[in-house]
Amino acid sequence: MGEKLQWVNLKSFPWLVFFIAIAVWIAIAGANFYYQHQGGYTGTGILFPISVIYPNQFLWSGFVFAFLFLISGTFAFRFADKMNVYLLFLIAVILVLLGNLSQGNFDIAFLQPFYLKGRQYYADAINITDGQIWLRDFSGNLEQFQMHTKTHPPFVTLLHYWILNISNIETLAIVFFVIGSLSFPLFYKILVDLGFEETRRKWALLLFAVVPSVNIYLLVSIDALVLTSTLIFLLGFARIFHQNKIDSVSFLLISSGLILTNLLTFSGLFLFAFLGCISFYFLLKGKWNFVWLSLMGTVVFVLVFAMIYAMTGYNQLETFFLASKSENPDGFRLFHQPFVYLMTRMEDIGEIFLFLSFGFLSVFFSKKSGTEVFENRNINILFFSAISAISAMLLTGAYGTGETARACLFLVPYFLILLKGISSDNFKIMFYLCLFQTFGMQMIGNFYW
C-alpha cells in the first residue's frame, strides 16, 4: 500500500477537516459520557453517536479474516481498472464477507445476529404456526411481539418464517446476504446512468463495499434488503436522467422500489418524502412530469396495499400508527423531552456520518480544490431531495432508538454519488482511510442489537 500512496499527492487531501471531524466527535462523545456519568439522561448511548456496540471476543481467526479484508481491499482498489465488472462484484461480496468474518467465525457473523440477542424478528418467526392467521391478527397482537417485529411491517417476520419453514437458519442468512448483495450491480448501473466514467465507477463500487455502514450491516440485516429495494427505486430516477425522459421501465422500477421497501419497513416513508421533494423542485421549474410520476406511483402503491388488505385482512396504515405509538408512547418527544429530542437528533445524524467514515466526511465538508462534490446538477437534485426527505423524518422524531447507520443504510448511495468529480488523488486517499476505519470497527465491536 505504501507504494500505491507514493503515486498520489498527499498534500491535496483536506487533512485539516479530517482531524477536525475526529476532534469534534471526541469532544461531543466525551461531553455526553461525562454528563451521563454525572447522572444526566440524554437518551443516547455512552459511546456517542454509536447507539449499539458490544465488544468483540478476540479470536485469531477473526484477526486473520480482518487482515485478509485489509489486503484484499488494498489490492482490489489498486488493480480495479484492469478487472472486469463481474469480478469486481465478486470482490465486493468477498470484502463484505471478510469484514464480517472479522468477528471470528460463521456462527458469529451469519447466525448470531438472528438469534443471540433475542429481540430480533427470528424470535417471533419461530413461534408462527399459521402465517395467514398471524398476518390477519398482526395489528391486534402487536404489543406481544419483540421490539423489532412490532415496529416494522409484518412481512419482515413472515419472510423469516417462510424461509425457515422450508429450510433452516443457515439458509435464512444466505438468502438475506444474496438479496443484499444485489445492491452492488444495482449501484453500479446507477453510476453508469449518472455518467460516471469506467474507472471511477469501479472505485465507487469498491468504496461502497468497504464503507463502514455497508460492510457491517449488509451481511444479514433486514436493512440490507431495504438497501436493495431502495436502489431499485433510485435506479428508476437515474434512468430518467440518463434518457431525459420518463418511460414505462423507469416507472416500473420506481413503483416496485416503493412497494417492496414499504413491505419491509416503515422507513419506506422516506421514498414518499423523496418523491414530494423532487416533485416540488421540478414544479418550481414549471415541470409537472415528476408530479404526475409521483401521483401515479402513489396510486399503484395504494392499490397494492388495498389488495393485500382485501386478501389477508392486514391494514398497513393501522399498523403504522400502532408501531409509531409503540416506539414513542408519550408522543412527540420535543414537547415532553426537548433536550433528549435534540441529543437523539444529533446522535442520528452523527451515526450516519461516522459510519460513512472520517475520510468521506473530510471530502464532503472540504472546500479545498479537488474535493468538489456538488458539481453535477442531476446528482445534486437526487442528493438534496434525499437529504430534505430524511431531515423531515428526523424532525418528526423518527429513529428515536438510534442505530441510524443501519436503519438509514439506504442513504449511503446518495452520498457516494457525490464523488463523481473529486480528484483521483483525493479519492484514493479517502478509500484507504475508509478501509482502515472499517477494519478497526469490525475488529473492535459487534454493532447488532
Protein backbone atom coordinates (compact mmCIF):
# COMPACT_ATOMS: atom_id res chain seq x y z
CA MET A 1 0.00 0.00 0.00
CA GLY A 2 2.91 2.35 0.67
CA GLU A 3 3.91 2.17 -2.99
CA LYS A 4 0.35 2.99 -4.01
CA LEU A 5 0.26 6.13 -1.89
CA GLN A 6 3.52 7.34 -3.41
CA TRP A 7 1.57 7.87 -6.61
CA VAL A 8 -0.79 10.38 -5.07
CA ASN A 9 -0.40 13.89 -3.74
CA LEU A 10 -0.95 13.52 -0.01
CA LYS A 11 -0.93 17.29 0.40
CA SER A 12 -4.03 17.62 -1.76
CA PHE A 13 -6.21 15.85 0.79
CA PRO A 14 -8.15 18.01 3.30
CA TRP A 15 -6.34 16.65 6.37
CA LEU A 16 -7.43 19.62 8.48
CA VAL A 17 -11.09 18.69 8.02
CA PHE A 18 -10.22 15.05 8.76
CA PHE A 19 -8.68 15.87 12.13
CA ILE A 20 -11.34 18.46 12.98
CA ALA A 21 -14.03 15.81 12.37
CA ILE A 22 -12.27 13.41 14.74
CA ALA A 23 -11.79 16.15 17.33
CA VAL A 24 -15.46 17.18 17.19
CA TRP A 25 -16.50 13.55 17.60
CA ILE A 26 -14.24 13.07 20.62
CA ALA A 27 -15.43 16.34 22.20
CA ILE A 28 -19.16 15.57 21.83
CA ALA A 29 -18.71 11.92 22.85
CA GLY A 30 -16.68 12.99 25.89
CA ALA A 31 -19.23 15.60 26.96
CA ASN A 32 -22.07 13.11 26.52
CA PHE A 33 -20.21 10.45 28.53
CA TYR A 34 -19.38 12.90 31.34
CA TYR A 35 -22.96 14.18 31.53
CA GLN A 36 -24.37 10.65 31.75
CA HIS A 37 -21.70 9.65 34.28
CA GLN A 38 -22.92 12.53 36.45
CA GLY A 39 -26.45 11.11 36.36
CA GLY A 40 -27.84 13.05 33.41
CA TYR A 41 -30.06 11.47 30.76
CA THR A 42 -29.59 12.19 27.06
CA GLY A 43 -31.43 9.25 25.51
CA THR A 44 -28.24 8.25 23.68
CA GLY A 45 -25.60 5.57 24.17
CA ILE A 46 -22.46 6.22 26.18
CA LEU A 47 -20.26 5.95 23.06
CA PHE A 48 -21.94 8.80 21.20
CA PRO A 49 -23.01 8.65 18.43
CA ILE A 50 -22.75 4.83 18.29
CA SER A 51 -26.09 3.68 19.65
CA VAL A 52 -25.32 -0.05 19.95
CA ILE A 53 -21.96 -1.79 20.25
CA TYR A 54 -20.78 -4.93 22.01
CA PRO A 55 -17.06 -5.59 22.47
CA ASN A 56 -15.67 -8.40 20.34
CA GLN A 57 -14.15 -11.51 21.81
CA PHE A 58 -10.64 -11.65 20.35
CA LEU A 59 -10.26 -14.71 18.12
CA TRP A 60 -7.20 -15.39 15.99
CA SER A 61 -9.46 -16.49 13.14
CA GLY A 62 -11.14 -13.10 13.25
CA PHE A 63 -7.79 -11.33 13.12
CA VAL A 64 -6.79 -13.38 10.06
CA PHE A 65 -10.06 -12.52 8.28
CA ALA A 66 -9.64 -8.84 9.17
CA PHE A 67 -6.09 -8.86 7.79
CA LEU A 68 -7.34 -10.54 4.59
CA PHE A 69 -10.04 -7.84 4.34
CA LEU A 70 -7.38 -5.15 4.52
CA ILE A 71 -5.11 -6.82 1.96
CA SER A 72 -7.97 -7.69 -0.40
CA GLY A 73 -9.36 -4.15 -0.31
CA THR A 74 -5.92 -2.66 -0.98
CA PHE A 75 -5.09 -4.87 -3.95
CA ALA A 76 -8.61 -4.76 -5.40
CA PHE A 77 -8.54 -0.97 -5.46
CA ARG A 78 -5.04 -0.87 -6.90
CA PHE A 79 -5.91 -3.11 -9.85
CA ALA A 80 -9.61 -2.17 -10.22
CA ASP A 81 -9.15 -0.54 -13.61
CA LYS A 82 -7.77 -3.82 -15.03
CA MET A 83 -10.63 -6.00 -13.75
CA ASN A 84 -13.96 -6.63 -15.44
CA VAL A 85 -17.04 -5.56 -13.55
CA TYR A 86 -18.24 -9.11 -12.77
CA LEU A 87 -15.00 -9.87 -10.97
CA LEU A 88 -15.43 -6.63 -9.05
CA PHE A 89 -18.95 -7.66 -7.99
CA LEU A 90 -17.45 -10.88 -6.62
CA ILE A 91 -14.68 -8.97 -4.85
CA ALA A 92 -17.24 -6.60 -3.31
CA VAL A 93 -19.12 -9.61 -1.90
CA ILE A 94 -15.86 -11.10 -0.61
CA LEU A 95 -14.94 -7.81 1.10
CA VAL A 96 -18.25 -7.84 2.99
CA LEU A 97 -17.73 -11.48 3.93
CA LEU A 98 -14.18 -10.92 5.15
CA GLY A 99 -15.16 -7.78 7.03
CA ASN A 100 -17.89 -9.60 8.94
CA LEU A 101 -15.85 -12.76 9.49
CA SER A 102 -13.50 -10.47 11.40
CA GLN A 103 -15.98 -11.18 14.20
CA GLY A 104 -14.44 -14.65 14.38
CA ASN A 105 -16.42 -17.30 12.51
CA PHE A 106 -19.55 -18.20 10.52
CA ASP A 107 -21.78 -18.52 13.58
CA ILE A 108 -20.87 -15.10 14.98
CA ALA A 109 -21.04 -13.34 11.62
CA PHE A 110 -24.00 -15.07 9.95
CA LEU A 111 -26.21 -16.61 12.61
CA GLN A 112 -25.90 -14.82 15.93
CA PRO A 113 -27.38 -11.55 14.59
CA PHE A 114 -30.61 -13.54 14.14
CA TYR A 115 -30.85 -15.45 17.40
CA LEU A 116 -28.38 -14.24 20.05
CA LYS A 117 -29.90 -11.02 21.35
CA GLY A 118 -33.44 -12.45 21.48
CA ARG A 119 -35.13 -9.27 20.27
CA GLN A 120 -34.99 -9.95 16.55
CA TYR A 121 -37.67 -10.98 14.07
CA TYR A 122 -36.34 -14.53 14.27
CA ALA A 123 -37.58 -14.88 17.86
CA ASP A 124 -41.15 -14.21 16.70
CA ALA A 125 -40.86 -16.05 13.38
CA ILE A 126 -40.09 -19.41 15.02
CA ASN A 127 -43.35 -19.15 17.01
CA ILE A 128 -45.60 -18.69 13.96
CA THR A 129 -47.75 -21.73 13.25
CA ASP A 130 -50.01 -20.32 10.53
CA GLY A 131 -48.69 -17.39 8.54
CA GLN A 132 -52.09 -16.34 7.17
CA ILE A 133 -53.73 -16.16 10.61
CA TRP A 134 -50.65 -14.48 12.09
CA LEU A 135 -50.77 -11.76 9.39
CA ARG A 136 -54.51 -11.22 9.81
CA ASP A 137 -54.17 -10.75 13.58
CA PHE A 138 -50.85 -8.86 13.48
CA SER A 139 -52.18 -5.44 14.50
CA GLY A 140 -54.19 -6.85 17.39
CA ASN A 141 -51.22 -8.79 18.76
CA LEU A 142 -48.63 -6.08 18.13
CA GLU A 143 -47.60 -5.42 21.74
CA GLN A 144 -46.86 -9.11 22.31
CA PHE A 145 -44.04 -9.16 19.77
CA GLN A 146 -40.34 -8.37 20.08
CA MET A 147 -39.16 -4.79 19.66
CA HIS A 148 -38.18 -5.07 16.01
CA THR A 149 -41.25 -7.02 14.93
CA LYS A 150 -43.69 -4.55 16.42
CA THR A 151 -42.03 -1.50 14.85
CA HIS A 152 -41.92 -2.93 11.31
CA PRO A 153 -44.47 -4.27 8.84
CA PRO A 154 -45.23 -7.98 9.41
CA PHE A 155 -43.78 -9.10 6.08
CA VAL A 156 -40.26 -8.91 7.51
CA THR A 157 -41.06 -11.54 10.13
CA LEU A 158 -43.11 -13.53 7.63
CA LEU A 159 -40.11 -13.65 5.29
CA HIS A 160 -38.14 -15.24 8.13
CA TYR A 161 -40.99 -17.68 8.69
CA TRP A 162 -41.35 -18.69 5.03
CA ILE A 163 -37.64 -19.38 4.62
CA LEU A 164 -37.36 -21.23 7.94
CA ASN A 165 -40.44 -23.25 7.01
CA ILE A 166 -38.66 -24.79 4.03
CA SER A 167 -35.10 -24.79 5.34
CA ASN A 168 -33.01 -23.58 8.31
CA ILE A 169 -31.33 -20.55 9.83
CA GLU A 170 -28.20 -21.03 7.68
CA THR A 171 -30.34 -20.74 4.53
CA LEU A 172 -32.05 -17.70 6.03
CA ALA A 173 -28.69 -15.98 6.48
CA ILE A 174 -27.51 -16.88 2.97
CA VAL A 175 -30.76 -15.70 1.32
CA PHE A 176 -30.56 -12.38 3.14
CA PHE A 177 -26.96 -11.91 2.09
CA VAL A 178 -27.68 -12.78 -1.53
CA ILE A 179 -30.54 -10.27 -1.69
CA GLY A 180 -28.40 -7.63 0.00
CA SER A 181 -25.56 -8.30 -2.44
CA LEU A 182 -27.83 -7.40 -5.35
CA SER A 183 -27.19 -3.83 -4.24
CA PHE A 184 -23.76 -4.00 -5.91
CA PRO A 185 -24.92 -4.44 -9.55
CA LEU A 186 -27.82 -2.04 -8.92
CA PHE A 187 -25.49 0.63 -7.58
CA TYR A 188 -23.08 0.11 -10.47
CA LYS A 189 -25.90 0.53 -13.02
CA ILE A 190 -26.93 3.75 -11.26
CA LEU A 191 -23.36 5.02 -11.63
CA VAL A 192 -23.46 4.18 -15.34
CA ASP A 193 -26.73 6.08 -15.84
CA LEU A 194 -25.40 9.07 -13.88
CA GLY A 195 -22.43 9.32 -16.25
CA PHE A 196 -19.55 8.06 -14.09
CA GLU A 197 -16.55 7.12 -16.20
CA GLU A 198 -15.48 3.48 -16.00
CA THR A 199 -12.55 3.66 -13.57
CA ARG A 200 -14.48 5.97 -11.21
CA ARG A 201 -17.43 3.53 -11.31
CA LYS A 202 -15.16 0.69 -10.27
CA TRP A 203 -13.60 2.71 -7.48
CA ALA A 204 -17.00 3.81 -6.23
CA LEU A 205 -18.24 0.21 -6.23
CA LEU A 206 -15.30 -0.91 -4.06
CA LEU A 207 -15.80 2.08 -1.75
CA PHE A 208 -19.46 1.09 -1.46
CA ALA A 209 -18.36 -2.37 -0.27
CA VAL A 210 -15.93 -1.10 2.37
CA VAL A 211 -17.74 1.97 3.74
CA PRO A 212 -18.39 1.03 7.41
CA SER A 213 -22.20 1.07 7.34
CA VAL A 214 -22.46 -1.17 4.25
CA ASN A 215 -19.63 -3.51 5.22
CA ILE A 216 -21.02 -4.01 8.73
CA TYR A 217 -24.75 -4.21 8.03
CA LEU A 218 -25.04 -5.76 4.55
CA LEU A 219 -24.49 -9.33 5.67
CA VAL A 220 -27.69 -10.47 7.40
CA SER A 221 -29.72 -7.41 8.42
CA ILE A 222 -33.16 -6.61 7.06
CA ASP A 223 -31.79 -3.19 6.19
CA ALA A 224 -29.61 -4.83 3.53
CA LEU A 225 -32.83 -5.92 1.82
CA VAL A 226 -34.14 -2.37 2.19
CA LEU A 227 -30.93 -1.07 0.59
CA THR A 228 -31.55 -3.29 -2.43
CA SER A 229 -35.21 -2.25 -2.79
CA THR A 230 -34.40 1.47 -2.44
CA LEU A 231 -31.66 1.12 -5.06
CA ILE A 232 -34.30 -0.22 -7.46
CA PHE A 233 -36.22 2.99 -6.75
CA LEU A 234 -33.12 5.17 -7.26
CA LEU A 235 -32.24 3.34 -10.47
CA GLY A 236 -35.57 4.47 -11.90
CA PHE A 237 -34.59 8.12 -11.40
CA ALA A 238 -31.06 7.59 -12.68
CA ARG A 239 -32.55 6.05 -15.81
CA ILE A 240 -34.85 9.06 -16.27
CA PHE A 241 -31.92 11.48 -16.04
CA HIS A 242 -29.86 9.32 -18.40
CA GLN A 243 -32.60 9.19 -21.06
CA ASN A 244 -34.00 12.63 -20.27
CA LYS A 245 -37.50 11.16 -20.28
CA ILE A 246 -39.85 9.09 -18.13
CA ASP A 247 -40.65 5.72 -19.67
CA SER A 248 -42.54 2.63 -18.53
CA VAL A 249 -39.41 0.86 -17.29
CA SER A 250 -38.45 3.83 -15.09
CA PHE A 251 -41.98 3.96 -13.70
CA LEU A 252 -41.91 0.22 -13.02
CA LEU A 253 -38.58 0.50 -11.20
CA ILE A 254 -39.77 3.41 -9.05
CA SER A 255 -43.11 1.78 -8.23
CA SER A 256 -41.50 -1.59 -7.47
CA GLY A 257 -38.93 0.01 -5.17
CA LEU A 258 -41.67 1.96 -3.44
CA ILE A 259 -43.82 -1.11 -2.79
CA LEU A 260 -41.01 -3.51 -1.84
CA THR A 261 -39.45 -1.04 0.58
CA ASN A 262 -42.73 -0.34 2.35
CA LEU A 263 -43.41 -4.06 2.69
CA LEU A 264 -40.16 -4.28 4.67
CA THR A 265 -40.00 -1.08 6.72
CA PHE A 266 -41.98 1.99 7.69
CA SER A 267 -38.84 3.93 6.78
CA GLY A 268 -40.22 3.46 3.29
CA LEU A 269 -41.98 6.76 4.01
CA PHE A 270 -38.61 8.26 3.08
CA LEU A 271 -39.34 7.38 -0.54
CA PHE A 272 -42.67 9.24 -0.44
CA ALA A 273 -40.93 12.25 1.09
CA PHE A 274 -38.27 11.98 -1.63
CA LEU A 275 -40.99 11.95 -4.31
CA GLY A 276 -42.52 15.03 -2.72
CA CYS A 277 -39.19 16.89 -2.63
CA ILE A 278 -38.15 16.09 -6.19
CA SER A 279 -41.65 16.86 -7.49
CA PHE A 280 -41.59 20.22 -5.70
CA TYR A 281 -38.23 21.06 -7.24
CA PHE A 282 -39.41 20.41 -10.78
CA LEU A 283 -42.74 22.11 -10.09
CA LEU A 284 -40.79 25.27 -9.26
CA LYS A 285 -39.17 24.84 -12.69
CA GLY A 286 -42.63 24.71 -14.25
CA LYS A 287 -42.44 20.97 -15.00
CA TRP A 288 -45.29 18.67 -13.96
CA ASN A 289 -43.88 15.35 -15.20
CA PHE A 290 -42.41 14.32 -11.85
CA VAL A 291 -45.61 15.35 -10.07
CA TRP A 292 -47.64 13.01 -12.28
CA LEU A 293 -44.99 10.30 -11.85
CA SER A 294 -45.25 10.60 -8.05
CA LEU A 295 -49.05 10.60 -8.09
CA MET A 296 -49.21 7.55 -10.35
CA GLY A 297 -46.66 5.72 -8.19
CA THR A 298 -48.70 6.54 -5.09
CA VAL A 299 -51.89 5.30 -6.74
CA VAL A 300 -50.23 1.98 -7.63
CA PHE A 301 -48.92 1.73 -4.06
CA VAL A 302 -52.39 2.31 -2.56
CA LEU A 303 -53.97 -0.22 -4.91
CA VAL A 304 -51.41 -2.90 -3.98
CA PHE A 305 -51.92 -2.44 -0.24
CA ALA A 306 -55.68 -2.28 -0.70
CA MET A 307 -55.46 -5.67 -2.44
CA ILE A 308 -53.35 -7.02 0.43
CA TYR A 309 -55.99 -5.83 2.89
CA ALA A 310 -58.81 -7.38 0.85
CA MET A 311 -56.98 -10.72 0.57
CA THR A 312 -55.48 -11.02 4.06
CA GLY A 313 -57.19 -8.54 6.39
CA TYR A 314 -53.88 -6.79 7.12
CA ASN A 315 -54.07 -2.98 7.32
CA GLN A 316 -50.73 -1.24 6.69
CA LEU A 317 -51.93 2.20 7.79
CA GLU A 318 -53.34 0.94 11.09
CA THR A 319 -50.15 -0.96 11.83
CA PHE A 320 -48.05 2.12 11.08
CA PHE A 321 -49.90 4.22 13.65
CA LEU A 322 -49.70 1.43 16.24
CA ALA A 323 -45.98 0.96 15.61
CA SER A 324 -45.37 4.72 15.90
CA LYS A 325 -47.22 4.80 19.21
CA SER A 326 -45.27 1.78 20.44
CA GLU A 327 -41.92 3.44 19.66
CA ASN A 328 -42.98 6.85 21.02
CA PRO A 329 -45.67 6.11 23.67
CA ASP A 330 -45.54 9.64 25.10
CA GLY A 331 -45.98 11.34 21.75
CA PHE A 332 -43.77 13.91 20.05
CA ARG A 333 -40.60 13.98 22.16
CA LEU A 334 -39.82 17.65 21.52
CA PHE A 335 -42.82 18.61 23.65
CA HIS A 336 -42.05 16.48 26.71
CA GLN A 337 -38.28 15.80 26.44
CA PRO A 338 -36.77 18.65 24.38
CA PHE A 339 -33.18 18.02 25.47
CA VAL A 340 -33.43 14.30 24.72
CA TYR A 341 -35.08 15.14 21.40
CA LEU A 342 -32.12 17.36 20.49
CA MET A 343 -29.50 14.85 21.60
CA THR A 344 -31.10 11.92 19.78
CA ARG A 345 -31.32 14.02 16.59
CA MET A 346 -27.60 14.72 16.93
CA GLU A 347 -26.99 11.02 17.57
CA ASP A 348 -28.92 10.01 14.45
CA ILE A 349 -27.03 12.42 12.21
CA GLY A 350 -23.70 11.73 13.88
CA GLU A 351 -24.05 7.97 13.47
CA ILE A 352 -24.83 8.27 9.77
CA PHE A 353 -21.72 10.45 9.35
CA LEU A 354 -19.44 8.26 11.49
CA PHE A 355 -20.37 5.12 9.53
CA LEU A 356 -19.72 6.92 6.25
CA SER A 357 -16.13 7.27 7.56
CA PHE A 358 -13.98 10.24 8.55
CA GLY A 359 -12.26 10.01 5.17
CA PHE A 360 -15.53 10.61 3.36
CA LEU A 361 -16.51 13.44 5.72
CA SER A 362 -13.16 15.14 5.01
CA VAL A 363 -14.02 15.36 1.32
CA PHE A 364 -17.70 16.09 1.89
CA PHE A 365 -17.12 19.12 4.13
CA SER A 366 -13.99 20.44 2.44
CA LYS A 367 -13.80 23.49 0.21
CA LYS A 368 -10.31 22.57 -0.99
CA SER A 369 -9.63 22.17 -4.70
CA GLY A 370 -10.12 18.58 -5.80
CA THR A 371 -12.98 17.92 -3.37
CA GLU A 372 -15.84 19.40 -5.40
CA VAL A 373 -18.86 17.24 -4.57
CA PHE A 374 -21.75 19.43 -5.74
CA GLU A 375 -20.76 19.93 -9.38
CA ASN A 376 -23.36 17.78 -11.14
CA ARG A 377 -26.94 19.06 -11.47
CA ASN A 378 -28.72 15.71 -11.65
CA ILE A 379 -26.75 14.27 -8.74
CA ASN A 380 -27.48 17.41 -6.70
CA ILE A 381 -31.20 17.01 -7.35
CA LEU A 382 -31.12 13.41 -6.11
CA PHE A 383 -28.90 14.16 -3.12
CA PHE A 384 -30.74 17.23 -1.83
CA SER A 385 -34.13 15.56 -2.34
CA ALA A 386 -32.88 12.67 -0.20
CA ILE A 387 -31.43 14.98 2.47
CA SER A 388 -34.62 17.04 2.60
CA ALA A 389 -36.67 13.87 2.97
CA ILE A 390 -34.57 12.35 5.77
CA SER A 391 -34.37 15.73 7.53
CA ALA A 392 -38.16 15.94 7.61
CA MET A 393 -38.33 12.44 9.09
CA LEU A 394 -35.72 13.22 11.75
CA LEU A 395 -37.56 16.42 12.70
CA THR A 396 -40.72 14.39 13.35
CA GLY A 397 -38.76 12.32 15.88
CA ALA A 398 -38.10 9.27 13.70
CA TYR A 399 -35.35 6.86 14.73
CA GLY A 400 -35.78 7.57 18.41
CA THR A 401 -33.90 4.36 19.21
CA GLY A 402 -30.82 5.31 17.20
CA GLU A 403 -28.82 2.87 15.08
CA THR A 404 -29.37 5.04 12.03
CA ALA A 405 -26.19 3.70 10.41
CA ARG A 406 -28.22 0.51 9.96
CA ALA A 407 -31.75 1.87 9.66
CA CYS A 408 -30.68 4.58 7.19
CA LEU A 409 -28.37 2.35 5.18
CA PHE A 410 -30.37 3.39 2.12
CA LEU A 411 -28.82 6.88 2.36
CA VAL A 412 -25.28 5.71 1.56
CA PRO A 413 -25.68 5.68 -2.26
CA TYR A 414 -26.94 9.28 -2.22
CA PHE A 415 -23.71 10.36 -0.52
CA LEU A 416 -21.38 8.26 -2.65
CA ILE A 417 -22.72 9.51 -5.98
CA LEU A 418 -21.40 12.95 -4.95
CA LEU A 419 -17.87 11.66 -5.56
CA LYS A 420 -18.20 11.74 -9.33
CA GLY A 421 -15.99 14.77 -9.83
CA ILE A 422 -13.45 14.76 -6.99
CA SER A 423 -9.79 14.33 -7.90
CA SER A 424 -8.34 10.84 -8.25
CA ASP A 425 -5.71 11.57 -5.60
CA ASN A 426 -8.32 12.51 -3.03
CA PHE A 427 -10.49 9.53 -3.95
CA LYS A 428 -7.57 7.15 -3.42
CA ILE A 429 -6.64 8.58 -0.01
CA MET A 430 -10.29 8.64 1.06
CA PHE A 431 -10.70 4.99 0.07
CA TYR A 432 -7.75 3.83 2.17
CA LEU A 433 -8.85 5.90 5.17
CA CYS A 434 -12.29 4.33 4.88
CA LEU A 435 -10.80 0.85 4.51
CA PHE A 436 -8.72 1.23 7.67
CA GLN A 437 -11.64 2.66 9.66
CA THR A 438 -13.86 -0.28 8.71
CA PHE A 439 -11.04 -2.68 9.58
CA GLY A 440 -10.80 -1.13 13.04
CA MET A 441 -14.55 -1.04 13.64
CA GLN A 442 -15.06 -4.65 12.59
CA MET A 443 -12.21 -5.73 14.88
CA ILE A 444 -13.33 -3.74 17.90
CA GLY A 445 -17.05 -4.30 18.15
CA ASN A 446 -20.27 -6.06 17.22
CA PHE A 447 -22.86 -3.48 16.20
CA TYR A 448 -26.02 -5.61 16.07
CA TRP A 449 -28.88 -5.22 18.54
